[in-house]
Each structure stands twice: as C-alpha cells, then as structure tokens.
PDB file of N, CA and C in Angstrom:
ATOM      1  N   MET A   1       0.930  -1.208   0.213  1.00  0.00           N
ATOM      2  CA  MET A   1      -0.126   0.088  -0.232  1.00  0.00           C
ATOM      3  C   MET A   1       0.723   1.349  -0.002  1.00  0.00           C
ATOM      4  N   THR A   2       0.152   2.322  -0.850  1.00  0.00           N
ATOM      5  CA  THR A   2       1.434   3.527  -1.393  1.00  0.00           C
ATOM      6  C   THR A   2       1.018   4.813  -0.857  1.00  0.00           C
ATOM      7  N   ILE A   3       0.923   5.606   0.036  1.00  0.00           N
ATOM      8  CA  ILE A   3       0.320   6.657   0.679  1.00  0.00           C
ATOM      9  C   ILE A   3       1.284   8.059   0.244  1.00  0.00           C
ATOM     10  N   ASN A   4       0.220   8.823   0.010  1.00  0.00           N
ATOM     11  CA  ASN A   4       0.543   9.293  -1.596  1.00  0.00           C
ATOM     12  C   ASN A   4       1.031  10.430   0.008  1.00  0.00           C
ATOM     13  N   PHE A   5       2.178  12.188  -0.440  1.00  0.00           N
ATOM     14  CA  PHE A   5       2.288  13.087   0.271  1.00  0.00           C
ATOM     15  C   PHE A   5       1.483  13.644   1.027  1.00  0.00           C
ATOM     16  N   GLU A   6       0.572  14.371   0.271  1.00  0.00           N
ATOM     17  CA  GLU A   6      -0.809  14.522   1.222  1.00  0.00           C
ATOM     18  C   GLU A   6      -1.717  13.945   2.117  1.00  0.00           C
ATOM     19  N   ASP A   7      -2.205  12.849   1.727  1.00  0.00           N
ATOM     20  CA  ASP A   7      -2.114  11.756   2.760  1.00  0.00           C
ATOM     21  C   ASP A   7      -1.454  11.946   4.004  1.00  0.00           C
ATOM     22  N   ASP A   8      -0.705  11.950   3.567  1.00  0.00           N
ATOM     23  CA  ASP A   8       0.677  11.860   4.640  1.00  0.00           C
ATOM     24  C   ASP A   8       0.957  12.643   6.104  1.00  0.00           C
ATOM     25  N   LEU A   9       0.581  13.898   4.955  1.00  0.00           N
ATOM     26  CA  LEU A   9       0.581  15.432   5.872  1.00  0.00           C
ATOM     27  C   LEU A   9      -0.573  15.644   6.475  1.00  0.00           C
ATOM     28  N   ILE A  10      -2.026  14.916   5.861  1.00  0.00           N
ATOM     29  CA  ILE A  10      -3.025  15.374   7.066  1.00  0.00           C
ATOM     30  C   ILE A  10      -3.205  14.446   7.752  1.00  0.00           C
ATOM     31  N   GLN A  11      -2.362  13.566   7.873  1.00  0.00           N
ATOM     32  CA  GLN A  11      -1.771  12.542   8.778  1.00  0.00           C
ATOM     33  C   GLN A  11      -1.255  12.975  10.068  1.00  0.00           C
ATOM     34  N   GLN A  12      -0.093  13.190   9.765  1.00  0.00           N
ATOM     35  CA  GLN A  12       0.497  13.915  10.815  1.00  0.00           C
ATOM     36  C   GLN A  12      -0.088  15.382  11.326  1.00  0.00           C
ATOM     37  N   LEU A  13      -0.757  16.059  10.884  1.00  0.00           N
ATOM     38  CA  LEU A  13      -1.809  17.100  10.716  1.00  0.00           C
ATOM     39  C   LEU A  13      -2.784  17.264  11.626  1.00  0.00           C
ATOM     40  N   GLN A  14      -2.581  15.894  12.306  1.00  0.00           N
ATOM     41  CA  GLN A  14      -3.515  15.878  12.707  1.00  0.00           C
ATOM     42  C   GLN A  14      -2.869  15.620  14.324  1.00  0.00           C
ATOM     43  N   ASN A  15      -1.932  16.186  14.663  1.00  0.00           N
ATOM     44  CA  ASN A  15      -1.354  15.990  15.648  1.00  0.00           C
ATOM     45  C   ASN A  15      -0.507  17.469  16.354  1.00  0.00           C
ATOM     46  N   PRO A  16      -1.629  17.754  17.328  1.00  0.00           N
ATOM     47  CA  PRO A  16      -1.279  19.499  17.501  1.00  0.00           C
ATOM     48  C   PRO A  16      -0.438  20.620  17.807  1.00  0.00           C
ATOM     49  N   GLU A  17       0.438  19.715  18.276  1.00  0.00           N
ATOM     50  CA  GLU A  17       1.704  20.138  18.384  1.00  0.00           C
ATOM     51  C   GLU A  17       2.306  20.352  16.666  1.00  0.00           C
ATOM     52  N   PHE A  18       2.392  19.362  16.131  1.00  0.00           N
ATOM     53  CA  PHE A  18       2.422  19.406  14.574  1.00  0.00           C
ATOM     54  C   PHE A  18       2.218  20.600  13.642  1.00  0.00           C
ATOM     55  N   GLN A  19       0.704  20.378  14.337  1.00  0.00           N
ATOM     56  CA  GLN A  19       0.162  21.605  13.012  1.00  0.00           C
ATOM     57  C   GLN A  19       0.273  22.891  13.941  1.00  0.00           C
ATOM     58  N   GLN A  20       0.710  22.823  15.038  1.00  0.00           N
ATOM     59  CA  GLN A  20       0.739  24.176  15.653  1.00  0.00           C
ATOM     60  C   GLN A  20       2.516  24.854  15.002  1.00  0.00           C
ATOM     61  N   GLU A  21       3.198  23.849  15.032  1.00  0.00           N
ATOM     62  CA  GLU A  21       4.981  24.277  13.994  1.00  0.00           C
ATOM     63  C   GLU A  21       4.547  24.208  12.395  1.00  0.00           C
ATOM     64  N   TRP A  22       4.120  23.876  11.767  1.00  0.00           N
ATOM     65  CA  TRP A  22       3.660  23.390  10.515  1.00  0.00           C
ATOM     66  C   TRP A  22       2.976  24.832  10.090  1.00  0.00           C
ATOM     67  N   LEU A  23       2.113  25.424  10.924  1.00  0.00           N
ATOM     68  CA  LEU A  23       1.558  26.886  10.926  1.00  0.00           C
ATOM     69  C   LEU A  23       2.581  28.321  10.806  1.00  0.00           C
ATOM     70  N   ARG A  24       3.137  27.816  11.851  1.00  0.00           N
ATOM     71  CA  ARG A  24       4.242  28.469  12.678  1.00  0.00           C
ATOM     72  C   ARG A  24       5.501  29.194  11.718  1.00  0.00           C
ATOM     73  N   GLN A  25       5.920  27.934  10.770  1.00  0.00           N
ATOM     74  CA  GLN A  25       6.932  27.779   9.784  1.00  0.00           C
ATOM     75  C   GLN A  25       6.161  28.754   7.872  1.00  0.00           C
ATOM     76  N   ALA A  26       4.965  28.884   7.957  1.00  0.00           N
ATOM     77  CA  ALA A  26       4.232  29.117   6.952  1.00  0.00           C
ATOM     78  C   ALA A  26       4.190  30.578   7.527  1.00  0.00           C
ATOM     79  N   ILE A  27       4.238  30.584   8.873  1.00  0.00           N
ATOM     80  CA  ILE A  27       3.957  32.443   8.429  1.00  0.00           C
ATOM     81  C   ILE A  27       4.786  32.831   8.451  1.00  0.00           C
ATOM     82  N   LEU A  28       6.158  32.282   9.175  1.00  0.00           N
ATOM     83  CA  LEU A  28       7.597  32.938   8.869  1.00  0.00           C
ATOM     84  C   LEU A  28       7.860  33.051   7.688  1.00  0.00           C
ATOM     85  N   LEU A  29       7.922  31.986   6.803  1.00  0.00           N
ATOM     86  CA  LEU A  29       7.763  31.863   5.261  1.00  0.00           C
ATOM     87  C   LEU A  29       7.169  32.955   4.901  1.00  0.00           C
ATOM     88  N   TYR A  30       5.908  33.159   4.881  1.00  0.00           N
ATOM     89  CA  TYR A  30       5.082  34.262   4.502  1.00  0.00           C
ATOM     90  C   TYR A  30       5.905  35.474   4.564  1.00  0.00           C
ATOM     91  N   ILE A  31       5.808  35.689   5.946  1.00  0.00           N
ATOM     92  CA  ILE A  31       6.908  37.109   6.513  1.00  0.00           C
ATOM     93  C   ILE A  31       7.853  37.081   5.667  1.00  0.00           C
ATOM     94  N   GLU A  32       8.715  36.266   4.988  1.00  0.00           N
ATOM     95  CA  GLU A  32       9.908  36.184   4.717  1.00  0.00           C
ATOM     96  C   GLU A  32       9.733  36.350   3.484  1.00  0.00           C
ATOM     97  N   ASP A  33       9.345  35.984   2.240  1.00  0.00           N
ATOM     98  CA  ASP A  33       9.219  35.867   1.243  1.00  0.00           C
ATOM     99  C   ASP A  33       7.969  36.331   0.825  1.00  0.00           C
ATOM    100  N   GLY A  34       6.578  36.546   1.194  1.00  0.00           N
ATOM    101  CA  GLY A  34       5.517  37.157   0.466  1.00  0.00           C
ATOM    102  C   GLY A  34       4.827  36.585   0.052  1.00  0.00           C
ATOM    103  N   ASP A  35       5.079  35.250   0.152  1.00  0.00           N
ATOM    104  CA  ASP A  35       3.880  34.313  -1.134  1.00  0.00           C
ATOM    105  C   ASP A  35       2.707  34.253  -0.302  1.00  0.00           C
ATOM    106  N   TYR A  36       1.876  34.469   0.036  1.00  0.00           N
ATOM    107  CA  TYR A  36       0.131  34.349   0.611  1.00  0.00           C
ATOM    108  C   TYR A  36       0.243  32.803   0.018  1.00  0.00           C
ATOM    109  N   ILE A  37       0.320  32.770  -1.247  1.00  0.00           N
ATOM    110  CA  ILE A  37      -0.292  31.901  -1.863  1.00  0.00           C
ATOM    111  C   ILE A  37       0.436  30.599  -0.881  1.00  0.00           C
ATOM    112  N   GLU A  38       1.424  30.270  -0.658  1.00  0.00           N
ATOM    113  CA  GLU A  38       1.747  28.844  -0.077  1.00  0.00           C
ATOM    114  C   GLU A  38       1.662  28.950   1.471  1.00  0.00           C
ATOM    115  N   PHE A  39       1.448  30.425   2.132  1.00  0.00           N
ATOM    116  CA  PHE A  39       0.836  30.532   3.170  1.00  0.00           C
ATOM    117  C   PHE A  39      -0.665  30.011   3.467  1.00  0.00           C
ATOM    118  N   PHE A  40      -1.580  30.252   2.557  1.00  0.00           N
ATOM    119  CA  PHE A  40      -3.034  30.062   2.824  1.00  0.00           C
ATOM    120  C   PHE A  40      -3.524  28.095   1.756  1.00  0.00           C
ATOM    121  N   ARG A  41      -2.217  27.402   1.335  1.00  0.00           N
ATOM    122  CA  ARG A  41      -1.967  26.322   1.154  1.00  0.00           C
ATOM    123  C   ARG A  41      -1.863  25.386   2.592  1.00  0.00           C
ATOM    124  N   CYS A  42      -0.929  25.662   3.316  1.00  0.00           N
ATOM    125  CA  CYS A  42      -1.003  25.633   4.557  1.00  0.00           C
ATOM    126  C   CYS A  42      -2.123  25.707   5.731  1.00  0.00           C
ATOM    127  N   LEU A  43      -2.461  27.030   5.294  1.00  0.00           N
ATOM    128  CA  LEU A  43      -3.761  26.695   6.246  1.00  0.00           C
ATOM    129  C   LEU A  43      -4.739  25.818   5.892  1.00  0.00           C
ATOM    130  N   GLU A  44      -4.916  25.508   4.310  1.00  0.00           N
ATOM    131  CA  GLU A  44      -6.554  24.488   4.077  1.00  0.00           C
ATOM    132  C   GLU A  44      -5.492  23.136   4.544  1.00  0.00           C
ATOM    133  N   GLN A  45      -4.573  22.933   4.387  1.00  0.00           N
ATOM    134  CA  GLN A  45      -4.135  21.608   4.803  1.00  0.00           C
ATOM    135  C   GLN A  45      -4.437  21.403   6.304  1.00  0.00           C
ATOM    136  N   VAL A  46      -4.462  22.464   7.080  1.00  0.00           N
ATOM    137  CA  VAL A  46      -5.026  21.868   8.352  1.00  0.00           C
ATOM    138  C   VAL A  46      -6.466  21.973   8.645  1.00  0.00           C
ATOM    139  N   ILE A  47      -6.930  22.841   7.674  1.00  0.00           N
ATOM    140  CA  ILE A  47      -8.552  23.072   7.581  1.00  0.00           C
ATOM    141  C   ILE A  47      -9.317  21.261   7.611  1.00  0.00           C
ATOM    142  N   LYS A  48      -7.953  21.194   6.280  1.00  0.00           N
ATOM    143  CA  LYS A  48      -8.604  19.415   5.960  1.00  0.00           C
ATOM    144  C   LYS A  48      -8.021  18.540   6.789  1.00  0.00           C
ATOM    145  N   ALA A  49      -7.507  18.635   7.782  1.00  0.00           N
ATOM    146  CA  ALA A  49      -6.872  18.058   8.706  1.00  0.00           C
ATOM    147  C   ALA A  49      -7.983  17.770   9.769  1.00  0.00           C
ATOM    148  N   ARG A  50      -8.787  18.537  10.067  1.00  0.00           N
ATOM    149  CA  ARG A  50      -9.545  18.680  11.284  1.00  0.00           C
ATOM    150  C   ARG A  50     -11.066  18.678  10.858  1.00  0.00           C
ATOM    151  N   THR A  51     -11.336  18.837   9.689  1.00  0.00           N
ATOM    152  CA  THR A  51     -13.023  19.205   9.275  1.00  0.00           C
ATOM    153  C   THR A  51     -12.814  19.376   7.158  1.00  0.00           C
ATOM    154  N   THR A  52     -14.251  19.882   6.514  1.00  0.00           N
ATOM    155  CA  THR A  52     -14.183  20.489   5.313  1.00  0.00           C
ATOM    156  C   THR A  52     -14.188  21.873   5.283  1.00  0.00           C
ATOM    157  N   VAL A  53     -13.708  21.972   4.199  1.00  0.00           N
ATOM    158  CA  VAL A  53     -13.677  23.634   3.821  1.00  0.00           C
ATOM    159  C   VAL A  53     -15.086  24.379   4.282  1.00  0.00           C
ATOM    160  N   SER A  54     -16.486  23.543   3.792  1.00  0.00           N
ATOM    161  CA  SER A  54     -17.377  23.616   3.887  1.00  0.00           C
ATOM    162  C   SER A  54     -17.988  24.409   5.510  1.00  0.00           C
ATOM    163  N   GLU A  55     -17.305  23.202   5.891  1.00  0.00           N
ATOM    164  CA  GLU A  55     -18.073  23.220   7.603  1.00  0.00           C
ATOM    165  C   GLU A  55     -17.011  24.599   8.302  1.00  0.00           C
ATOM    166  N   PHE A  56     -15.651  24.366   7.924  1.00  0.00           N
ATOM    167  CA  PHE A  56     -15.227  25.251   8.546  1.00  0.00           C
ATOM    168  C   PHE A  56     -15.542  27.045   8.208  1.00  0.00           C
ATOM    169  N   ALA A  57     -15.804  27.243   7.186  1.00  0.00           N
ATOM    170  CA  ALA A  57     -16.035  28.390   6.612  1.00  0.00           C
ATOM    171  C   ALA A  57     -17.500  28.822   7.618  1.00  0.00           C
ATOM    172  N   GLY A  58     -18.316  28.215   7.446  1.00  0.00           N
ATOM    173  CA  GLY A  58     -20.066  28.025   8.075  1.00  0.00           C
ATOM    174  C   GLY A  58     -19.072  27.945   9.521  1.00  0.00           C
ATOM    175  N   LYS A  59     -18.040  27.461   9.912  1.00  0.00           N
ATOM    176  CA  LYS A  59     -17.627  28.514  11.567  1.00  0.00           C
ATOM    177  C   LYS A  59     -17.447  29.272  11.666  1.00  0.00           C
ATOM    178  N   ILE A  60     -16.910  29.953  10.583  1.00  0.00           N
ATOM    179  CA  ILE A  60     -16.309  31.218  10.817  1.00  0.00           C
ATOM    180  C   ILE A  60     -16.558  32.598  10.182  1.00  0.00           C
ATOM    181  N   GLY A  61     -18.671  31.528  10.011  1.00  0.00           N
ATOM    182  CA  GLY A  61     -19.474  33.122   8.851  1.00  0.00           C
ATOM    183  C   GLY A  61     -18.661  33.848   7.921  1.00  0.00           C
ATOM    184  N   MET A  62     -17.962  32.878   7.315  1.00  0.00           N
ATOM    185  CA  MET A  62     -17.367  33.656   5.430  1.00  0.00           C
ATOM    186  C   MET A  62     -18.115  31.576   5.003  1.00  0.00           C
ATOM    187  N   ASN A  63     -18.731  32.620   3.809  1.00  0.00           N
ATOM    188  CA  ASN A  63     -18.696  32.241   2.678  1.00  0.00           C
ATOM    189  C   ASN A  63     -17.989  30.620   2.068  1.00  0.00           C
ATOM    190  N   ARG A  64     -18.521  29.489   1.500  1.00  0.00           N
ATOM    191  CA  ARG A  64     -17.321  28.674   1.363  1.00  0.00           C
ATOM    192  C   ARG A  64     -16.793  28.798  -0.032  1.00  0.00           C
ATOM    193  N   VAL A  65     -17.375  29.615  -0.849  1.00  0.00           N
ATOM    194  CA  VAL A  65     -16.750  29.878  -1.646  1.00  0.00           C
ATOM    195  C   VAL A  65     -15.502  31.020  -1.672  1.00  0.00           C
ATOM    196  N   GLN A  66     -15.947  31.848  -1.313  1.00  0.00           N
ATOM    197  CA  GLN A  66     -15.154  32.750  -0.959  1.00  0.00           C
ATOM    198  C   GLN A  66     -13.763  32.168  -0.224  1.00  0.00           C
ATOM    199  N   LEU A  67     -14.127  31.469   1.178  1.00  0.00           N
ATOM    200  CA  LEU A  67     -12.662  31.086   1.817  1.00  0.00           C
ATOM    201  C   LEU A  67     -12.151  30.362   0.392  1.00  0.00           C
ATOM    202  N   VAL A  68     -12.133  29.429  -0.182  1.00  0.00           N
ATOM    203  CA  VAL A  68     -11.705  28.526  -1.710  1.00  0.00           C
ATOM    204  C   VAL A  68     -11.477  29.901  -2.377  1.00  0.00           C
ATOM    205  N   ASP A  69     -11.481  30.795  -2.407  1.00  0.00           N
ATOM    206  CA  ASP A  69     -11.007  31.643  -3.675  1.00  0.00           C
ATOM    207  C   ASP A  69      -9.668  31.729  -2.400  1.00  0.00           C
ATOM    208  N   ILE A  70      -9.814  32.628  -1.241  1.00  0.00           N
ATOM    209  CA  ILE A  70      -8.672  32.898  -0.626  1.00  0.00           C
ATOM    210  C   ILE A  70      -7.850  31.989  -0.381  1.00  0.00           C
ATOM    211  N   LEU A  71      -8.008  30.966  -0.419  1.00  0.00           N
ATOM    212  CA  LEU A  71      -7.238  29.473  -0.158  1.00  0.00           C
ATOM    213  C   LEU A  71      -6.504  29.102  -1.131  1.00  0.00           C
ATOM    214  N   HIS A  72      -6.929  29.327  -2.271  1.00  0.00           N
ATOM    215  CA  HIS A  72      -6.021  28.893  -3.739  1.00  0.00           C
ATOM    216  C   HIS A  72      -5.964  30.420  -3.994  1.00  0.00           C
ATOM    217  N   GLY A  73      -5.449  31.307  -3.513  1.00  0.00           N
ATOM    218  CA  GLY A  73      -5.171  32.661  -3.834  1.00  0.00           C
ATOM    219  C   GLY A  73      -5.672  33.207  -5.395  1.00  0.00           C
ATOM    220  N   ARG A  74      -6.974  33.295  -5.084  1.00  0.00           N
ATOM    221  CA  ARG A  74      -8.104  33.656  -6.410  1.00  0.00           C
ATOM    222  C   ARG A  74      -8.382  35.010  -6.004  1.00  0.00           C
ATOM    223  N   THR A  75      -8.103  35.278  -4.853  1.00  0.00           N
ATOM    224  CA  THR A  75      -8.283  36.813  -3.986  1.00  0.00           C
ATOM    225  C   THR A  75      -6.842  37.604  -4.152  1.00  0.00           C
ATOM    226  N   LYS A  76      -6.806  39.118  -3.564  1.00  0.00           N
ATOM    227  CA  LYS A  76      -6.348  39.934  -3.633  1.00  0.00           C
ATOM    228  C   LYS A  76      -5.738  39.304  -2.160  1.00  0.00           C
ATOM    229  N   THR A  77      -4.362  40.402  -2.057  1.00  0.00           N
ATOM    230  CA  THR A  77      -3.659  39.632  -0.427  1.00  0.00           C
ATOM    231  C   THR A  77      -4.794  39.576   0.132  1.00  0.00           C
ATOM    232  N   PRO A  78      -4.936  38.658   1.239  1.00  0.00           N
ATOM    233  CA  PRO A  78      -6.009  39.331   2.134  1.00  0.00           C
ATOM    234  C   PRO A  78      -5.380  39.786   3.157  1.00  0.00           C
ATOM    235  N   SER A  79      -6.788  40.527   3.783  1.00  0.00           N
ATOM    236  CA  SER A  79      -6.325  41.065   5.049  1.00  0.00           C
ATOM    237  C   SER A  79      -6.080  40.786   6.886  1.00  0.00           C
ATOM    238  N   MET A  80      -5.047  41.671   7.035  1.00  0.00           N
ATOM    239  CA  MET A  80      -5.287  40.928   8.511  1.00  0.00           C
ATOM    240  C   MET A  80      -6.380  40.615   8.953  1.00  0.00           C
ATOM    241  N   LEU A  81      -7.379  41.013   9.284  1.00  0.00           N
ATOM    242  CA  LEU A  81      -8.327  40.886   9.537  1.00  0.00           C
ATOM    243  C   LEU A  81      -9.097  39.292   9.453  1.00  0.00           C
ATOM    244  N   THR A  82      -8.722  39.335   7.895  1.00  0.00           N
ATOM    245  CA  THR A  82      -9.619  37.676   7.301  1.00  0.00           C
ATOM    246  C   THR A  82      -8.414  36.397   7.745  1.00  0.00           C
ATOM    247  N   ILE A  83      -6.966  36.855   7.607  1.00  0.00           N
ATOM    248  CA  ILE A  83      -6.515  35.996   8.365  1.00  0.00           C
ATOM    249  C   ILE A  83      -5.935  35.785   9.259  1.00  0.00           C
ATOM    250  N   GLY A  84      -6.595  36.749  10.717  1.00  0.00           N
ATOM    251  CA  GLY A  84      -6.947  36.904  12.484  1.00  0.00           C
ATOM    252  C   GLY A  84      -8.852  35.596  12.084  1.00  0.00           C
ATOM    253  N   ARG A  85      -9.168  36.054  11.330  1.00  0.00           N
ATOM    254  CA  ARG A  85     -10.380  35.488  10.685  1.00  0.00           C
ATOM    255  C   ARG A  85     -10.134  33.696  10.857  1.00  0.00           C
ATOM    256  N   ILE A  86      -9.663  33.375  10.377  1.00  0.00           N
ATOM    257  CA  ILE A  86      -9.156  31.922   9.803  1.00  0.00           C
ATOM    258  C   ILE A  86      -8.584  31.570  11.233  1.00  0.00           C
ATOM    259  N   LEU A  87      -7.431  31.867  11.728  1.00  0.00           N
ATOM    260  CA  LEU A  87      -6.483  31.559  12.793  1.00  0.00           C
ATOM    261  C   LEU A  87      -7.322  30.970  14.069  1.00  0.00           C
ATOM    262  N   SER A  88      -8.097  31.896  13.982  1.00  0.00           N
ATOM    263  CA  SER A  88      -9.264  32.314  15.590  1.00  0.00           C
ATOM    264  C   SER A  88     -10.151  31.277  14.985  1.00  0.00           C
ATOM    265  N   GLY A  89     -10.408  30.857  14.286  1.00  0.00           N
ATOM    266  CA  GLY A  89     -11.724  29.885  13.755  1.00  0.00           C
ATOM    267  C   GLY A  89     -10.589  28.434  13.987  1.00  0.00           C
ATOM    268  N   LEU A  90      -9.445  28.351  13.983  1.00  0.00           N
ATOM    269  CA  LEU A  90      -8.681  27.293  14.040  1.00  0.00           C
ATOM    270  C   LEU A  90      -8.106  27.172  15.703  1.00  0.00           C
ATOM    271  N   GLY A  91      -8.302  27.778  16.087  1.00  0.00           N
ATOM    272  CA  GLY A  91      -7.936  28.249  17.216  1.00  0.00           C
ATOM    273  C   GLY A  91      -6.435  28.422  17.768  1.00  0.00           C
ATOM    274  N   TYR A  92      -5.749  29.235  17.153  1.00  0.00           N
ATOM    275  CA  TYR A  92      -4.594  30.139  17.149  1.00  0.00           C
ATOM    276  C   TYR A  92      -5.158  31.425  16.985  1.00  0.00           C
ATOM    277  N   GLN A  93      -4.008  32.393  17.385  1.00  0.00           N
ATOM    278  CA  GLN A  93      -4.035  34.098  17.205  1.00  0.00           C
ATOM    279  C   GLN A  93      -2.542  34.440  17.117  1.00  0.00           C
ATOM    280  N   LEU A  94      -2.285  35.552  16.267  1.00  0.00           N
ATOM    281  CA  LEU A  94      -1.335  35.916  16.345  1.00  0.00           C
ATOM    282  C   LEU A  94      -0.891  36.639  16.812  1.00  0.00           C
ATOM    283  N   ASP A  95       0.498  36.707  17.262  1.00  0.00           N
ATOM    284  CA  ASP A  95       1.083  37.246  18.684  1.00  0.00           C
ATOM    285  C   ASP A  95       2.815  37.527  17.814  1.00  0.00           C
ATOM    286  N   VAL A  96       3.002  38.911  18.449  1.00  0.00           N
ATOM    287  CA  VAL A  96       3.860  39.603  18.280  1.00  0.00           C
ATOM    288  C   VAL A  96       5.148  39.582  19.523  1.00  0.00           C
ATOM    289  N   LYS A  97       6.887  39.457  19.300  1.00  0.00           N
ATOM    290  CA  LYS A  97       7.709  38.701  20.875  1.00  0.00           C
ATOM    291  C   LYS A  97       8.641  39.849  19.609  1.00  0.00           C
ATOM    292  N   SER A  98       9.480  40.454  21.311  1.00  0.00           N
ATOM    293  CA  SER A  98      10.655  40.875  20.503  1.00  0.00           C
ATOM    294  C   SER A  98      11.680  40.101  19.934  1.00  0.00           C
ATOM    295  N   ALA A  99      12.449  40.360  19.051  1.00  0.00           N
ATOM    296  CA  ALA A  99      13.369  39.525  18.708  1.00  0.00           C
ATOM    297  C   ALA A  99      14.485  39.356  19.076  1.00  0.00           C
TER     298      ALA A  99
END
C-alpha cells in the first residue's frame, strides 16, 4: 500500500503540536518571501485535517466560495482581519514578540 504526500501530511497534521509548528513555519516563510498563496495552502491543509472547508467556512461565518478563493490565491492579498479570522477559527492567534 502506498500513501501519497498529501494523505501523509493530513495524517501528521492530526497531531496538535505538529500542526502548530506547521502553521508557525508557514507564517515565518510568508513574512520572509511574501508568498501568501503558499501560506494559505498550509492553512487549507490544516483545515482539511480537522474538517471540511465548507464546515469550517460556516464556523467562521464566511461563504465557502469566498474561503476557497482565498485559500487558492484567487483573491487579492487577504487582510489581516481575514487571516486573524481564519487562525481564530482554528484556535490560534497571532502574537508579536521581541526578536
């Protein structure tokens, strides 16, 4: 039996510590290179590890199509409010610390 990368990643993302570090690294990379599409791809993987995109969109009060467009980079750079809303829906918050 062969497991593909995406299935293996979703399985690893079931671990809360792995999931948190995955998102932390995605945010750091986003800050470094400005590639929000990759960052939102990581968010989508975490969402799919927990639930469906449709259920998650409903949970955060967002239209599923709007959320999918954000996650797939079909919208302009999402606002911090939108990023915060998605992270909050996943049980996370942004934090600022001294370097």
